[in-house]
């Protein structure tokens, strides 16, 4: 059975700075109000609109617009005070690439705790979607975030949803409000570092970002179609560790309902338990338990949509002996009950 994650805890009121905004629209207005042709990305912390940021952050947070439809935040800063930001988003995908550091996030009611590892989040926001980020003093955040219309991935970058999992299809089509956590390949990490460390200013910075964002989204679409393969063929691990991680993924895939315990799993791939778990987390940005939970939920989602199995049969297939426990886990992950994903449910 999956372990229950600890609850997302906001900073205590005594040292919290709460900054609330209306989401993408406010950032679009902010960007357009300050942007001048050829100036490059807009430095958020330097704007008079947010004088309080001088006491909260130390570093850079840039805003930029790609393709006139995609809002982008480029972050490289240290957090000086605990604070949280809540955003209301709708009819859009949020795409978050974490290079280092990170925050605790609540996306559509789904709590995602900071692992400190490189990773990507793809989240769908239907009507009244909400996103809350919890920043903690001392953290150094390096990340790139995009608010992107689904049609940009489908029409401009040729994302073929039939090649992706059922869970990814529903996210990109905005058929559900949920989040997928994805590993970052070496190519994606290199592109993201280039985005954060843009060597140019003004118009050349814009041209540079335009090319890098196009490259980023091309590789991201490849990742959506085959996340495991992208990481397996493109990572910086020594050969024996890369092969061990590939074996771990195959063992978990073949034993999704009854996976071996970590000690046995490590023994099967020729590693100590600590080396295996640390290497896995560094490679995929998730603990073994969280990775297994996500795979179970994605498989459940696909089986339910197929309509051949009952909710109880699906629960047993993915390793739950109790339908109620499965239902609670599924609702926490996807935001709705399993039965709503069965054919004819009207979801």
Protein backbone atom coordinates (compact mmCIF):
# COMPACT_ATOMS: atom_id res chain seq x y z
CA UNK A 1 0.00 0.00 0.00
CA UNK A 2 1.31 3.50 -0.75
CA UNK A 3 2.57 5.48 2.20
CA UNK A 4 0.48 8.49 3.10
CA UNK A 5 2.44 11.69 2.41
CA UNK A 6 2.76 14.26 5.14
CA UNK A 7 0.39 17.19 4.88
CA UNK A 8 1.40 20.39 3.14
CA UNK A 9 2.05 22.91 5.90
CA UNK A 10 2.08 26.64 5.26
CA UNK A 11 4.63 28.80 7.08
CA UNK A 12 3.54 29.90 10.53
CA UNK A 13 1.68 33.26 10.63
CA UNK A 14 4.46 34.91 12.66
CA UNK A 15 6.93 34.75 9.78
CA UNK A 16 4.66 34.45 6.75
CA UNK A 17 4.37 36.98 3.99
CA UNK A 18 1.26 36.21 1.96
CA UNK A 19 1.17 37.46 -1.60
CA UNK A 20 -2.02 36.63 -3.47
CA UNK A 21 -2.65 37.35 -7.14
CA UNK A 22 -5.30 36.44 -9.67
CA UNK A 23 -3.04 34.17 -11.67
CA UNK A 24 -1.93 34.32 -15.27
CA UNK A 25 -3.99 37.38 -16.21
CA UNK A 26 -2.29 39.56 -13.61
CA UNK A 27 1.13 38.50 -14.79
CA UNK A 28 0.12 39.19 -18.41
CA UNK A 29 -1.06 42.68 -17.44
CA UNK A 30 2.07 43.28 -15.39
CA UNK A 31 4.30 42.15 -18.25
CA UNK A 32 2.50 44.20 -20.89
CA UNK A 33 2.45 47.30 -18.68
CA UNK A 34 6.24 47.28 -18.23
CA UNK A 35 7.48 45.62 -21.40
CA UNK A 36 9.00 47.72 -24.16
CA UNK A 37 9.92 46.24 -27.57
CA UNK A 38 13.40 44.80 -27.54
CA UNK A 39 13.97 45.18 -23.79
CA UNK A 40 14.21 41.45 -23.07
CA UNK A 41 12.46 39.68 -20.17
CA UNK A 42 10.91 41.93 -17.50
CA UNK A 43 12.66 41.81 -14.07
CA UNK A 44 9.80 41.34 -11.59
CA UNK A 45 11.79 42.23 -8.46
CA UNK A 46 12.84 45.57 -9.94
CA UNK A 47 9.26 46.73 -10.52
CA UNK A 48 7.64 49.27 -8.23
CA UNK A 49 4.49 47.11 -8.25
CA UNK A 50 6.16 44.77 -5.75
CA UNK A 51 8.29 46.87 -3.35
CA UNK A 52 7.96 44.22 -0.63
CA UNK A 53 10.00 41.73 -2.65
CA UNK A 54 13.22 43.45 -1.56
CA UNK A 55 12.73 41.89 1.88
CA UNK A 56 11.59 38.50 0.64
CA UNK A 57 13.90 37.53 -2.22
CA UNK A 58 17.51 37.88 -3.20
CA UNK A 59 18.17 37.18 -6.84
CA UNK A 60 16.21 37.34 -10.08
CA UNK A 61 12.68 36.59 -11.27
CA UNK A 62 12.02 37.43 -14.93
CA UNK A 63 8.72 37.50 -16.82
CA UNK A 64 8.50 36.86 -20.54
CA UNK A 65 5.89 36.02 -23.17
CA UNK A 66 6.38 33.43 -25.89
CA UNK A 67 4.16 33.08 -28.95
CA UNK A 68 1.82 35.73 -27.44
CA UNK A 69 -0.05 32.93 -25.66
CA UNK A 70 2.51 31.44 -23.29
CA UNK A 71 3.52 33.29 -20.10
CA UNK A 72 6.91 32.37 -18.64
CA UNK A 73 8.54 32.91 -15.26
CA UNK A 74 12.31 32.42 -14.95
CA UNK A 75 13.47 32.15 -11.33
CA UNK A 76 16.91 32.11 -9.74
CA UNK A 77 16.68 33.51 -6.22
CA UNK A 78 17.18 32.87 -2.53
CA UNK A 79 14.18 33.08 -0.19
CA UNK A 80 14.76 35.44 2.76
CA UNK A 81 11.37 35.03 4.49
CA UNK A 82 8.71 32.36 4.56
CA UNK A 83 5.78 33.24 2.34
CA UNK A 84 3.12 31.75 0.10
CA UNK A 85 1.54 32.70 -3.21
CA UNK A 86 -1.93 31.61 -4.33
CA UNK A 87 -3.01 31.83 -7.96
CA UNK A 88 -6.36 31.28 -9.64
CA UNK A 89 -5.92 29.71 -13.06
CA UNK A 90 -8.41 28.41 -15.60
CA UNK A 91 -8.44 26.75 -19.02
CA UNK A 92 -4.67 26.52 -19.11
CA UNK A 93 -1.81 24.11 -18.47
CA UNK A 94 0.90 25.02 -15.99
CA UNK A 95 4.30 23.53 -16.69
CA UNK A 96 6.91 23.78 -13.95
CA UNK A 97 10.54 22.77 -14.46
CA UNK A 98 12.57 22.54 -11.23
CA UNK A 99 16.33 22.61 -11.68
CA UNK A 100 17.23 22.92 -8.01
CA UNK A 101 15.56 23.84 -4.75
CA UNK A 102 11.84 24.03 -5.10
CA UNK A 103 8.72 24.66 -3.07
CA UNK A 104 5.85 22.74 -1.54
CA UNK A 105 2.93 23.10 -3.94
CA UNK A 106 -0.78 22.44 -3.79
CA UNK A 107 -2.15 22.01 -7.30
CA UNK A 108 -5.86 21.40 -7.74
CA UNK A 109 -6.00 19.99 -4.21
CA UNK A 110 -3.07 17.64 -4.87
CA UNK A 111 -0.19 18.20 -2.45
CA UNK A 112 3.32 17.93 -3.91
CA UNK A 113 6.15 18.14 -1.42
CA UNK A 114 9.52 19.53 -2.39
CA UNK A 115 12.03 16.72 -3.03
CA UNK A 116 14.94 19.03 -3.84
CA UNK A 117 15.48 17.06 -7.06
CA UNK A 118 15.19 18.17 -10.72
CA UNK A 119 11.72 17.36 -12.04
CA UNK A 120 8.78 18.66 -14.07
CA UNK A 121 5.12 19.12 -13.17
CA UNK A 122 2.37 19.25 -15.78
CA UNK A 123 -0.95 20.45 -14.34
CA UNK A 124 -4.33 21.06 -15.92
CA UNK A 125 -6.45 23.96 -14.69
CA UNK A 126 -10.11 23.93 -15.63
CA UNK A 127 -12.47 26.56 -14.25
CA UNK A 128 -11.59 27.81 -10.76
CA UNK A 129 -8.27 25.98 -10.67
CA UNK A 130 -6.02 27.09 -7.83
CA UNK A 131 -2.31 26.81 -7.24
CA UNK A 132 -0.55 27.57 -3.94
CA UNK A 133 3.22 27.68 -3.49
CA UNK A 134 4.89 27.56 -0.08
CA UNK A 135 8.36 29.15 -0.06
CA UNK A 136 10.65 28.70 2.94
CA UNK A 137 13.47 30.94 4.14
CA UNK A 138 16.94 29.76 3.10
CA UNK A 139 15.82 27.89 -0.03
CA UNK A 140 17.52 28.72 -3.32
CA UNK A 141 15.02 28.36 -6.15
CA UNK A 142 16.09 27.77 -9.73
CA UNK A 143 13.17 26.98 -12.00
CA UNK A 144 11.26 27.84 -15.17
CA UNK A 145 7.47 27.99 -15.18
CA UNK A 146 5.10 28.24 -18.14
CA UNK A 147 1.37 28.91 -18.41
CA UNK A 148 0.53 27.40 -21.74
CA UNK A 149 -2.69 26.82 -23.74
CA UNK A 150 -3.10 23.11 -24.60
CA UNK A 151 -3.50 23.83 -28.30
CA UNK A 152 0.04 25.21 -28.44
CA UNK A 153 1.42 21.75 -27.65
CA UNK A 154 -0.99 19.98 -29.97
CA UNK A 155 -1.03 22.33 -32.95
CA UNK A 156 2.31 24.14 -32.90
CA UNK A 157 4.52 21.31 -31.58
CA UNK A 158 2.64 18.34 -33.02
CA UNK A 159 2.06 16.52 -29.73
CA UNK A 160 0.26 13.28 -30.66
CA UNK A 161 -1.82 12.48 -27.63
CA UNK A 162 -2.42 8.90 -28.80
CA UNK A 163 1.24 8.24 -28.00
CA UNK A 164 0.87 9.44 -24.40
CA UNK A 165 -0.73 7.80 -21.37
CA UNK A 166 -4.44 8.21 -20.63
CA UNK A 167 -3.59 10.46 -17.67
CA UNK A 168 -1.51 12.79 -19.86
CA UNK A 169 -4.26 12.86 -22.48
CA UNK A 170 -6.82 13.99 -19.93
CA UNK A 171 -4.48 16.66 -18.56
CA UNK A 172 -3.62 18.14 -21.96
CA UNK A 173 -7.28 18.04 -23.04
CA UNK A 174 -8.30 19.72 -19.75
CA UNK A 175 -10.68 16.81 -19.10
CA UNK A 176 -9.51 16.68 -15.49
CA UNK A 177 -7.80 18.87 -12.91
CA UNK A 178 -4.71 16.91 -11.96
CA UNK A 179 -0.91 16.86 -11.98
CA UNK A 180 1.70 14.56 -13.49
CA UNK A 181 5.27 14.55 -12.16
CA UNK A 182 7.90 13.79 -14.79
CA UNK A 183 11.67 13.22 -14.66
CA UNK A 184 13.99 15.60 -16.49
CA UNK A 185 16.34 14.25 -19.13
CA UNK A 186 19.88 15.55 -19.48
CA UNK A 187 18.90 17.46 -22.63
CA UNK A 188 16.05 19.22 -20.86
CA UNK A 189 18.26 20.12 -17.91
CA UNK A 190 20.87 21.63 -20.24
CA UNK A 191 18.24 23.72 -22.07
CA UNK A 192 16.74 24.94 -18.79
CA UNK A 193 20.15 25.99 -17.51
CA UNK A 194 20.58 28.01 -20.70
CA UNK A 195 17.19 29.67 -20.17
CA UNK A 196 17.98 30.62 -16.57
CA UNK A 197 21.53 31.78 -17.42
CA UNK A 198 20.61 33.76 -20.54
CA UNK A 199 23.91 35.45 -21.55
CA UNK A 200 22.26 38.22 -23.57
CA UNK A 201 20.37 41.45 -22.92
CA UNK A 202 17.63 43.28 -24.76
CA UNK A 203 16.55 42.10 -28.20
CA UNK A 204 19.20 39.36 -28.38
CA UNK A 205 17.94 37.99 -25.05
CA UNK A 206 14.45 37.70 -26.58
CA UNK A 207 15.71 35.93 -29.69
CA UNK A 208 17.79 33.59 -27.53
CA UNK A 209 14.80 32.78 -25.28
CA UNK A 210 12.53 32.24 -28.26
CA UNK A 211 14.86 29.59 -29.65
CA UNK A 212 15.41 27.95 -26.26
CA UNK A 213 11.69 27.77 -25.41
CA UNK A 214 10.97 26.18 -28.78
CA UNK A 215 13.74 23.64 -28.12
CA UNK A 216 12.43 23.07 -24.59
CA UNK A 217 8.87 22.34 -25.73
CA UNK A 218 10.07 20.02 -28.51
CA UNK A 219 11.97 17.88 -26.02
CA UNK A 220 9.14 18.09 -23.49
CA UNK A 221 6.67 16.66 -26.00
CA UNK A 222 9.08 13.77 -26.53
CA UNK A 223 9.20 13.30 -22.76
CA UNK A 224 5.39 13.17 -22.54
CA UNK A 225 5.30 10.39 -25.11
CA UNK A 226 8.02 8.26 -23.50
CA UNK A 227 9.20 9.58 -20.11
CA UNK A 228 11.17 6.53 -19.06
CA UNK A 229 12.89 6.10 -22.42
CA UNK A 230 13.91 9.76 -22.55
CA UNK A 231 15.67 9.52 -19.21
CA UNK A 232 17.14 6.07 -19.82
CA UNK A 233 18.91 7.13 -23.02
CA UNK A 234 19.87 10.59 -21.82
CA UNK A 235 21.25 10.90 -18.32
CA UNK A 236 24.58 11.66 -16.72
CA UNK A 237 24.76 8.56 -14.51
CA UNK A 238 27.67 6.13 -14.78
CA UNK A 239 26.75 3.22 -17.03
CA UNK A 240 26.23 0.69 -14.21
CA UNK A 241 23.93 3.05 -12.29
CA UNK A 242 21.94 3.92 -15.42
CA UNK A 243 21.45 0.21 -16.12
CA UNK A 244 20.41 -0.37 -12.50
CA UNK A 245 17.78 2.40 -12.70
CA UNK A 246 16.45 0.94 -15.93
CA UNK A 247 16.15 -2.43 -14.16
CA UNK A 248 14.36 -0.82 -11.19
CA UNK A 249 11.77 0.73 -13.53
CA UNK A 250 11.19 -2.59 -15.27
CA UNK A 251 10.80 -4.47 -11.97
CA UNK A 252 8.30 -1.91 -10.66
CA UNK A 253 6.37 -1.99 -13.94
CA UNK A 254 6.18 -5.78 -13.89
CA UNK A 255 5.17 -5.93 -10.23
CA UNK A 256 2.96 -2.86 -9.89
CA UNK A 257 0.51 -4.55 -7.49
CA UNK A 258 3.09 -6.29 -5.31
CA UNK A 259 6.50 -4.65 -5.73
CA UNK A 260 9.48 -5.97 -3.79
CA UNK A 261 10.43 -4.06 -0.65
CA UNK A 262 13.32 -1.58 -1.10
CA UNK A 263 15.88 -3.95 0.43
CA UNK A 264 14.97 -6.76 -1.95
CA UNK A 265 14.71 -4.39 -4.92
CA UNK A 266 18.19 -3.03 -4.23
CA UNK A 267 19.56 -6.55 -4.00
CA UNK A 268 18.01 -7.46 -7.35
CA UNK A 269 19.80 -4.59 -9.12
CA UNK A 270 23.11 -5.06 -7.32
CA UNK A 271 23.07 -1.97 -5.12
CA UNK A 272 22.82 -1.14 -1.45
CA UNK A 273 19.42 0.17 -0.39
CA UNK A 274 20.71 3.69 0.33
CA UNK A 275 22.60 3.93 -2.97
CA UNK A 276 19.59 2.71 -4.93
CA UNK A 277 17.07 5.03 -3.26
CA UNK A 278 19.36 8.06 -3.50
CA UNK A 279 20.21 7.35 -7.14
CA UNK A 280 16.54 6.83 -7.99
CA UNK A 281 15.52 10.11 -6.37
CA UNK A 282 18.36 11.99 -8.06
CA UNK A 283 17.42 10.50 -11.45
CA UNK A 284 13.66 10.92 -11.36
CA UNK A 285 12.98 13.63 -8.78
CA UNK A 286 10.70 11.28 -6.84
CA UNK A 287 11.08 8.77 -4.05
CA UNK A 288 10.36 5.15 -4.90
CA UNK A 289 7.08 5.38 -2.98
CA UNK A 290 5.89 8.50 -4.79
CA UNK A 291 6.95 7.10 -8.17
CA UNK A 292 5.03 3.90 -7.49
CA UNK A 293 1.96 5.86 -6.40
CA UNK A 294 1.99 7.89 -9.59
CA UNK A 295 2.37 4.82 -11.80
CA UNK A 296 -0.47 3.06 -9.92
CA UNK A 297 -2.76 6.04 -10.32
CA UNK A 298 -1.97 6.44 -14.02
CA UNK A 299 -2.59 2.73 -14.66
CA UNK A 300 -5.83 2.89 -12.66
CA UNK A 301 -6.97 5.86 -14.71
CA UNK A 302 -6.28 4.00 -17.96
CA UNK A 303 -8.03 0.81 -16.81
CA UNK A 304 -11.10 2.69 -15.62
CA UNK A 305 -11.40 4.52 -18.92
CA UNK A 306 -11.14 1.19 -20.73
CA UNK A 307 -14.39 0.11 -19.09
CA UNK A 308 -13.58 -3.61 -18.84
CA UNK A 309 -12.93 -3.74 -15.09
CA UNK A 310 -14.96 -2.66 -12.07
CA UNK A 311 -13.54 -0.18 -9.58
CA UNK A 312 -12.75 -3.03 -7.20
CA UNK A 313 -11.00 -5.03 -9.91
CA UNK A 314 -8.90 -2.01 -10.84
CA UNK A 315 -8.02 -1.45 -7.19
CA UNK A 316 -6.80 -5.05 -6.85
CA UNK A 317 -4.88 -4.84 -10.14
CA UNK A 318 -2.80 -1.92 -8.88
CA UNK A 319 -2.22 -3.28 -5.38
CA UNK A 320 -5.13 -2.15 -3.17
CA UNK A 321 -7.14 -4.77 -1.30
CA UNK A 322 -9.63 -2.23 0.01
CA UNK A 323 -11.81 -0.32 -2.46
CA UNK A 324 -12.37 2.53 -0.01
CA UNK A 325 -8.62 3.08 0.44
CA UNK A 326 -8.17 3.01 -3.34
CA UNK A 327 -11.00 5.50 -3.78
CA UNK A 328 -9.48 7.91 -1.28
CA UNK A 329 -6.05 7.70 -2.91
CA UNK A 330 -7.53 8.15 -6.39
CA UNK A 331 -9.62 11.17 -5.39
CA UNK A 332 -6.65 12.80 -3.67
CA UNK A 333 -4.52 12.28 -6.78
CA UNK A 334 -7.03 13.21 -9.50
CA UNK A 335 -9.55 15.32 -7.59
CA UNK A 336 -12.56 13.09 -8.29
CA UNK A 337 -13.83 9.58 -7.54
CA UNK A 338 -12.76 6.57 -9.66
CA UNK A 339 -16.29 5.94 -10.92
CA UNK A 340 -16.26 9.34 -12.67
CA UNK A 341 -13.63 8.02 -15.09
CA UNK A 342 -15.66 5.01 -16.14
CA UNK A 343 -17.37 5.07 -19.56
CA UNK A 344 -20.84 6.60 -19.41
CA UNK A 345 -20.09 8.53 -16.22
CA UNK A 346 -20.40 11.84 -18.04
CA UNK A 347 -16.97 13.05 -16.82
